[in-house]
Amino acid sequence: MFPTEDLEALGIWLYDRGYAYQTAAGLYAWEDAWFARELPPPPASLLVGGAGTGREALVLAERGYRI
């Protein structure tokens, strides 16, 4: 494992340079189908674990969920 100071320095370096993750916009087809089948209707509250860049959370918030 890396020392905390190294990870902190890396995070600062990336943000200072405007680093952005390259991700697909919106949901993948299988995610859209799964969410429609399994999630309660909005305005339900959802916890999105391991959200990464927030791709799924953004779409769900736009659909009326409380994230």
C-alpha atoms as a PDB file:
ATOM      1  CA  MET A   1       0.000   0.000   0.000  1.00  0.00           C
ATOM      2  CA  PHE A   2       1.157   3.532  -0.713  1.00  0.00           C
ATOM      3  CA  PRO A   3       1.853   5.991   2.100  1.00  0.00           C
ATOM      4  CA  THR A   4      -0.999   8.439   2.714  1.00  0.00           C
ATOM      5  CA  GLU A   5       1.263  11.379   1.897  1.00  0.00           C
ATOM      6  CA  ASP A   6       1.958   9.945  -1.566  1.00  0.00           C
ATOM      7  CA  LEU A   7      -1.742   9.471  -2.310  1.00  0.00           C
ATOM      8  CA  GLU A   8      -2.540  12.962  -1.110  1.00  0.00           C
ATOM      9  CA  ALA A   9       0.209  14.415  -3.299  1.00  0.00           C
ATOM     10  CA  LEU A  10      -1.072  12.455  -6.305  1.00  0.00           C
ATOM     11  CA  GLY A  11      -4.618  13.712  -5.762  1.00  0.00           C
ATOM     12  CA  ILE A  12      -3.434  17.311  -5.570  1.00  0.00           C
ATOM     13  CA  TRP A  13      -1.273  16.862  -8.676  1.00  0.00           C
ATOM     14  CA  LEU A  14      -4.208  15.456 -10.672  1.00  0.00           C
ATOM     15  CA  TYR A  15      -6.693  18.128  -9.594  1.00  0.00           C
ATOM     16  CA  ASP A  16      -4.198  20.939 -10.219  1.00  0.00           C
ATOM     17  CA  ARG A  17      -3.868  19.781 -13.803  1.00  0.00           C
ATOM     18  CA  GLY A  18      -7.600  19.514 -14.406  1.00  0.00           C
ATOM     19  CA  TYR A  19      -7.469  15.744 -14.753  1.00  0.00           C
ATOM     20  CA  ALA A  20     -10.858  14.309 -15.687  1.00  0.00           C
ATOM     21  CA  TYR A  21     -11.906  10.702 -15.890  1.00  0.00           C
ATOM     22  CA  GLN A  22     -12.997   9.547 -19.309  1.00  0.00           C
ATOM     23  CA  THR A  23     -16.274   7.727 -18.778  1.00  0.00           C
ATOM     24  CA  ALA A  24     -19.334   6.911 -20.792  1.00  0.00           C
ATOM     25  CA  ALA A  25     -22.174   9.363 -20.353  1.00  0.00           C
ATOM     26  CA  GLY A  26     -25.454   8.052 -19.046  1.00  0.00           C
ATOM     27  CA  LEU A  27     -26.200   4.460 -18.199  1.00  0.00           C
ATOM     28  CA  TYR A  28     -25.226   1.297 -19.986  1.00  0.00           C
ATOM     29  CA  ALA A  29     -28.222  -0.599 -21.419  1.00  0.00           C
ATOM     30  CA  TRP A  30     -27.966  -3.360 -18.792  1.00  0.00           C
ATOM     31  CA  GLU A  31     -27.853  -0.762 -15.978  1.00  0.00           C
ATOM     32  CA  ASP A  32     -30.913   1.036 -17.304  1.00  0.00           C
ATOM     33  CA  ALA A  33     -32.854  -2.236 -17.505  1.00  0.00           C
ATOM     34  CA  TRP A  34     -31.728  -3.362 -14.049  1.00  0.00           C
ATOM     35  CA  PHE A  35     -32.531  -0.011 -12.422  1.00  0.00           C
ATOM     36  CA  ALA A  36     -35.997   0.025 -14.027  1.00  0.00           C
ATOM     37  CA  ARG A  37     -36.678  -3.508 -12.791  1.00  0.00           C
ATOM     38  CA  GLU A  38     -35.182  -3.342  -9.288  1.00  0.00           C
ATOM     39  CA  LEU A  39     -35.333   0.211  -7.949  1.00  0.00           C
ATOM     40  CA  PRO A  40     -38.358   1.768  -6.279  1.00  0.00           C
ATOM     41  CA  PRO A  41     -39.886   4.673  -8.157  1.00  0.00           C
ATOM     42  CA  PRO A  42     -38.570   8.185  -7.502  1.00  0.00           C
ATOM     43  CA  PRO A  43     -38.418  10.136  -5.228  1.00  0.00           C
ATOM     44  CA  ALA A  44     -36.841   7.273  -3.294  1.00  0.00           C
ATOM     45  CA  SER A  45     -33.511   7.744  -1.509  1.00  0.00           C
ATOM     46  CA  LEU A  46     -30.618   5.685  -2.845  1.00  0.00           C
ATOM     47  CA  LEU A  47     -27.114   5.019  -1.594  1.00  0.00           C
ATOM     48  CA  VAL A  48     -24.737   4.568  -4.510  1.00  0.00           C
ATOM     49  CA  GLY A  49     -21.729   2.736  -3.116  1.00  0.00           C
ATOM     50  CA  GLY A  50     -18.407   2.901  -4.908  1.00  0.00           C
ATOM     51  CA  ALA A  51     -19.740   5.727  -7.055  1.00  0.00           C
ATOM     52  CA  GLY A  52     -16.400   6.493  -8.698  1.00  0.00           C
ATOM     53  CA  THR A  53     -16.966   9.462 -10.987  1.00  0.00           C
ATOM     54  CA  GLY A  54     -20.677   9.580 -10.182  1.00  0.00           C
ATOM     55  CA  ARG A  55     -21.931   8.584 -13.631  1.00  0.00           C
ATOM     56  CA  GLU A  56     -24.812   6.484 -12.306  1.00  0.00           C
ATOM     57  CA  ALA A  57     -25.582   8.869  -9.433  1.00  0.00           C
ATOM     58  CA  LEU A  58     -25.951  11.792 -11.838  1.00  0.00           C
ATOM     59  CA  VAL A  59     -28.433   9.948 -14.044  1.00  0.00           C
ATOM     60  CA  LEU A  60     -30.438   8.730 -11.050  1.00  0.00           C
ATOM     61  CA  ALA A  61     -30.549  12.232  -9.534  1.00  0.00           C
ATOM     62  CA  GLU A  62     -31.784  13.599 -12.874  1.00  0.00           C
ATOM     63  CA  ARG A  63     -34.555  10.990 -12.749  1.00  0.00           C
ATOM     64  CA  GLY A  64     -35.730  12.317  -9.397  1.00  0.00           C
ATOM     65  CA  TYR A  65     -33.949  10.076  -6.893  1.00  0.00           C
ATOM     66  CA  ARG A  66     -32.363  11.490  -3.743  1.00  0.00           C
ATOM     67  CA  ILE A  67     -28.753  10.281  -3.801  1.00  0.00           C
END
